[in-house]
């Protein structure tokens, strides 16, 4: 197994562990290239009728040129997509 293969499998393993650890009430943050900061709070984690896990979360956006954050309301993402988008957990 090459070093590249090894890091790929380590990344997959880390992603699987993260998916299992996302809990209600946790907050995650990501910063976009334009320095907009998205903060999310997990509302629920559930499976859809086909069995695919999803995360329902509340989204707040803070743009660098604006003094106040804006609540964007509730959103829903597949757990895998959520784990890829929001990697940095912050205080609950």
N, C-alpha and C. Protein backbone atom coordinates (compact mmCIF):
# COMPACT_ATOMS: atom_id res chain seq x y z
N UNK A 1 0.85 -1.17 0.00
CA UNK A 1 0.00 0.00 0.00
C UNK A 1 0.90 1.24 0.00
N UNK A 2 0.61 2.17 -0.88
CA UNK A 2 1.42 3.38 -0.97
C UNK A 2 1.03 4.36 0.14
N UNK A 3 1.86 5.38 0.32
CA UNK A 3 1.60 6.41 1.32
C UNK A 3 0.31 7.16 0.99
N UNK A 4 0.07 7.39 -0.30
CA UNK A 4 -1.15 8.07 -0.74
C UNK A 4 -2.39 7.25 -0.39
N UNK A 5 -2.33 5.94 -0.62
CA UNK A 5 -3.44 5.05 -0.27
C UNK A 5 -3.70 5.09 1.23
N UNK A 6 -2.63 5.08 2.01
CA UNK A 6 -2.74 5.09 3.46
C UNK A 6 -3.44 6.36 3.94
N UNK A 7 -3.07 7.51 3.42
CA UNK A 7 -3.71 8.76 3.86
C UNK A 7 -5.17 8.81 3.42
N UNK A 8 -5.48 8.23 2.27
CA UNK A 8 -6.87 8.18 1.81
C UNK A 8 -7.71 7.36 2.79
N UNK A 9 -7.21 6.18 3.18
CA UNK A 9 -7.96 5.33 4.11
C UNK A 9 -8.06 5.96 5.49
N UNK A 10 -7.03 6.68 5.92
CA UNK A 10 -7.08 7.38 7.20
C UNK A 10 -8.15 8.47 7.15
N UNK A 11 -8.25 9.18 6.03
CA UNK A 11 -9.28 10.22 5.88
C UNK A 11 -10.68 9.63 5.94
N UNK A 12 -10.89 8.51 5.27
CA UNK A 12 -12.19 7.84 5.29
C UNK A 12 -12.53 7.39 6.70
N UNK A 13 -11.56 6.84 7.40
CA UNK A 13 -11.77 6.38 8.76
C UNK A 13 -12.12 7.54 9.69
N UNK A 14 -11.42 8.66 9.55
CA UNK A 14 -11.70 9.84 10.36
C UNK A 14 -13.10 10.36 10.08
N UNK A 15 -13.49 10.41 8.82
CA UNK A 15 -14.83 10.88 8.45
C UNK A 15 -15.90 9.99 9.06
N UNK A 16 -15.70 8.69 9.03
CA UNK A 16 -16.68 7.76 9.62
C UNK A 16 -16.80 7.99 11.12
N UNK A 17 -15.68 8.19 11.81
CA UNK A 17 -15.73 8.45 13.25
C UNK A 17 -16.47 9.75 13.53
N UNK A 18 -16.22 10.79 12.74
CA UNK A 18 -16.89 12.09 12.93
C UNK A 18 -18.38 11.96 12.74
N UNK A 19 -18.81 11.22 11.74
CA UNK A 19 -20.24 11.06 11.47
C UNK A 19 -20.96 10.49 12.67
N UNK A 20 -20.33 9.55 13.35
CA UNK A 20 -20.95 8.91 14.50
C UNK A 20 -20.97 9.80 15.74
N UNK A 21 -20.21 10.88 15.73
CA UNK A 21 -20.07 11.73 16.91
C UNK A 21 -20.83 13.04 16.82
N UNK A 22 -21.62 13.27 15.80
CA UNK A 22 -22.36 14.52 15.67
C UNK A 22 -23.61 14.39 16.53
N UNK A 23 -23.77 15.33 17.48
CA UNK A 23 -24.89 15.24 18.40
C UNK A 23 -25.74 16.50 18.44
N UNK A 24 -26.96 16.33 18.90
CA UNK A 24 -27.90 17.44 19.04
C UNK A 24 -27.32 18.48 20.00
N UNK A 25 -27.44 19.74 19.61
CA UNK A 25 -26.96 20.85 20.43
C UNK A 25 -25.54 21.28 20.14
N UNK A 26 -24.80 20.48 19.40
CA UNK A 26 -23.42 20.84 19.07
C UNK A 26 -23.40 21.96 18.04
N UNK A 27 -22.34 22.74 18.08
CA UNK A 27 -22.17 23.85 17.13
C UNK A 27 -20.92 23.61 16.30
N UNK A 28 -21.03 23.96 15.03
CA UNK A 28 -19.91 23.84 14.09
C UNK A 28 -19.78 25.16 13.34
N UNK A 29 -18.58 25.41 12.84
CA UNK A 29 -18.33 26.65 12.12
C UNK A 29 -17.48 26.37 10.89
N UNK A 30 -17.70 27.16 9.85
CA UNK A 30 -16.79 27.13 8.69
C UNK A 30 -16.67 28.55 8.17
N UNK A 31 -15.50 28.85 7.63
CA UNK A 31 -15.23 30.16 7.07
C UNK A 31 -15.09 30.01 5.56
N UNK A 32 -15.86 30.78 4.85
CA UNK A 32 -15.83 30.74 3.38
C UNK A 32 -14.67 31.58 2.85
N UNK A 33 -14.30 31.41 1.59
CA UNK A 33 -13.18 32.17 1.03
C UNK A 33 -13.35 33.70 1.12
N UNK A 34 -14.61 34.18 1.14
CA UNK A 34 -14.84 35.64 1.24
C UNK A 34 -14.89 36.10 2.70
N UNK A 35 -14.45 35.24 3.63
CA UNK A 35 -14.39 35.50 5.07
C UNK A 35 -15.75 35.54 5.76
N UNK A 36 -16.79 35.11 5.06
CA UNK A 36 -18.09 34.94 5.69
C UNK A 36 -18.00 33.73 6.61
N UNK A 37 -18.53 33.87 7.82
CA UNK A 37 -18.47 32.78 8.79
C UNK A 37 -19.88 32.20 8.97
N UNK A 38 -19.99 30.91 8.75
CA UNK A 38 -21.24 30.19 8.95
C UNK A 38 -21.13 29.42 10.26
N UNK A 39 -22.10 29.62 11.15
CA UNK A 39 -22.16 28.88 12.40
C UNK A 39 -23.47 28.11 12.38
N UNK A 40 -23.39 26.82 12.72
CA UNK A 40 -24.59 25.99 12.73
C UNK A 40 -24.74 25.33 14.09
N UNK A 41 -26.00 25.10 14.46
CA UNK A 41 -26.32 24.37 15.68
C UNK A 41 -27.17 23.17 15.28
N UNK A 42 -26.73 21.98 15.64
CA UNK A 42 -27.44 20.75 15.29
C UNK A 42 -28.74 20.67 16.09
N UNK A 43 -29.85 20.54 15.37
CA UNK A 43 -31.18 20.43 15.97
C UNK A 43 -31.57 18.96 16.12
N UNK A 44 -31.28 18.15 15.10
CA UNK A 44 -31.59 16.72 15.18
C UNK A 44 -30.74 15.95 14.18
N UNK A 45 -30.60 14.66 14.46
CA UNK A 45 -29.94 13.73 13.55
C UNK A 45 -30.90 12.56 13.40
N UNK A 46 -31.32 12.29 12.15
CA UNK A 46 -32.30 11.23 11.92
C UNK A 46 -32.08 10.58 10.57
N UNK A 47 -32.74 9.45 10.36
CA UNK A 47 -32.67 8.76 9.08
C UNK A 47 -33.91 9.07 8.27
N UNK A 48 -33.73 9.20 6.96
CA UNK A 48 -34.89 9.40 6.08
C UNK A 48 -35.56 8.05 5.83
N UNK A 49 -36.67 8.02 5.09
CA UNK A 49 -37.39 6.76 4.87
C UNK A 49 -36.55 5.66 4.20
N UNK A 50 -35.49 6.04 3.50
CA UNK A 50 -34.63 5.06 2.84
C UNK A 50 -33.50 4.59 3.76
N UNK A 51 -33.33 5.27 4.90
CA UNK A 51 -32.30 4.89 5.86
C UNK A 51 -31.05 5.74 5.81
N UNK A 52 -31.05 6.81 5.01
CA UNK A 52 -29.89 7.69 4.91
C UNK A 52 -29.94 8.70 6.06
N UNK A 53 -28.87 8.77 6.88
CA UNK A 53 -28.87 9.72 8.00
C UNK A 53 -28.75 11.17 7.52
N UNK A 54 -29.51 12.05 8.17
CA UNK A 54 -29.52 13.48 7.87
C UNK A 54 -29.35 14.30 9.14
N UNK A 55 -28.86 15.52 8.98
CA UNK A 55 -28.70 16.45 10.09
C UNK A 55 -29.58 17.67 9.80
N UNK A 56 -30.46 18.00 10.74
CA UNK A 56 -31.22 19.25 10.67
C UNK A 56 -30.49 20.23 11.57
N UNK A 57 -30.24 21.44 11.05
CA UNK A 57 -29.45 22.41 11.81
C UNK A 57 -29.95 23.82 11.54
N UNK A 58 -29.69 24.71 12.50
CA UNK A 58 -29.98 26.13 12.34
C UNK A 58 -28.70 26.81 11.88
N UNK A 59 -28.82 27.69 10.89
CA UNK A 59 -27.67 28.36 10.28
C UNK A 59 -27.69 29.85 10.58
N UNK A 60 -26.54 30.37 11.01
CA UNK A 60 -26.35 31.80 11.21
C UNK A 60 -25.14 32.22 10.39
N UNK A 61 -25.28 33.34 9.69
CA UNK A 61 -24.21 33.83 8.82
C UNK A 61 -23.72 35.19 9.31
N UNK A 62 -22.40 35.35 9.37
CA UNK A 62 -21.77 36.62 9.75
C UNK A 62 -20.86 37.04 8.61
N UNK A 63 -21.26 38.11 7.92
CA UNK A 63 -20.43 38.65 6.83
C UNK A 63 -19.44 39.64 7.41
N UNK A 64 -18.22 39.69 6.88
CA UNK A 64 -17.19 40.56 7.45
C UNK A 64 -17.53 42.05 7.38
N UNK A 65 -18.28 42.47 6.38
CA UNK A 65 -18.59 43.89 6.22
C UNK A 65 -19.86 44.33 6.96
N UNK A 66 -20.51 43.40 7.67
CA UNK A 66 -21.74 43.71 8.40
C UNK A 66 -21.53 43.51 9.90
N UNK A 67 -22.09 44.40 10.72
CA UNK A 67 -21.86 44.30 12.17
C UNK A 67 -22.63 43.16 12.85
N UNK A 68 -23.77 42.74 12.29
CA UNK A 68 -24.61 41.74 12.94
C UNK A 68 -24.69 40.45 12.14
N UNK A 69 -24.88 39.35 12.87
CA UNK A 69 -25.11 38.06 12.24
C UNK A 69 -26.55 37.98 11.79
N UNK A 70 -26.81 37.14 10.78
CA UNK A 70 -28.16 36.95 10.25
C UNK A 70 -28.52 35.48 10.37
N UNK A 71 -29.68 35.22 10.98
CA UNK A 71 -30.17 33.85 11.09
C UNK A 71 -30.80 33.46 9.77
N UNK A 72 -30.36 32.35 9.21
CA UNK A 72 -30.88 31.86 7.94
C UNK A 72 -31.92 30.76 8.14
N UNK A 73 -32.21 30.42 9.39
CA UNK A 73 -33.23 29.42 9.68
C UNK A 73 -32.70 28.00 9.62
N UNK A 74 -33.65 27.09 9.55
CA UNK A 74 -33.35 25.66 9.60
C UNK A 74 -32.99 25.11 8.23
N UNK A 75 -32.03 24.20 8.21
CA UNK A 75 -31.58 23.53 6.98
C UNK A 75 -31.46 22.04 7.25
N UNK A 76 -31.36 21.27 6.17
CA UNK A 76 -31.22 19.82 6.26
C UNK A 76 -30.17 19.36 5.27
N UNK A 77 -29.23 18.54 5.73
CA UNK A 77 -28.19 17.97 4.87
C UNK A 77 -28.01 16.50 5.24
N UNK A 78 -27.65 15.70 4.26
CA UNK A 78 -27.25 14.32 4.55
C UNK A 78 -26.05 14.39 5.49
N UNK A 79 -25.97 13.45 6.41
CA UNK A 79 -24.91 13.44 7.40
C UNK A 79 -23.52 13.48 6.78
N UNK A 80 -23.34 12.76 5.69
CA UNK A 80 -22.04 12.75 5.02
C UNK A 80 -21.69 14.14 4.49
N UNK A 81 -22.64 14.81 3.85
CA UNK A 81 -22.40 16.16 3.33
C UNK A 81 -22.17 17.15 4.47
N UNK A 82 -22.93 17.01 5.56
CA UNK A 82 -22.75 17.89 6.72
C UNK A 82 -21.33 17.72 7.29
N UNK A 83 -20.89 16.47 7.42
CA UNK A 83 -19.56 16.19 7.97
C UNK A 83 -18.45 16.78 7.11
N UNK A 84 -18.65 16.79 5.81
CA UNK A 84 -17.65 17.37 4.91
C UNK A 84 -17.67 18.90 4.98
N UNK A 85 -18.86 19.49 5.08
CA UNK A 85 -19.00 20.95 5.06
C UNK A 85 -18.58 21.59 6.39
N UNK A 86 -18.96 20.97 7.50
CA UNK A 86 -18.72 21.56 8.81
C UNK A 86 -17.80 20.66 9.61
N UNK A 87 -16.53 20.94 9.55
CA UNK A 87 -15.52 20.09 10.18
C UNK A 87 -15.07 20.58 11.54
N UNK A 88 -15.24 21.88 11.79
CA UNK A 88 -14.70 22.46 13.02
C UNK A 88 -15.81 22.63 14.06
N UNK A 89 -15.74 21.84 15.11
CA UNK A 89 -16.73 21.95 16.19
C UNK A 89 -16.28 23.03 17.16
N UNK A 90 -17.26 23.82 17.63
CA UNK A 90 -17.00 24.86 18.63
C UNK A 90 -17.88 24.56 19.84
N UNK A 91 -17.73 25.30 20.92
CA UNK A 91 -18.51 25.07 22.14
C UNK A 91 -20.00 24.93 21.89
N UNK A 92 -20.65 24.05 22.64
CA UNK A 92 -22.09 23.80 22.48
C UNK A 92 -22.92 24.94 23.02
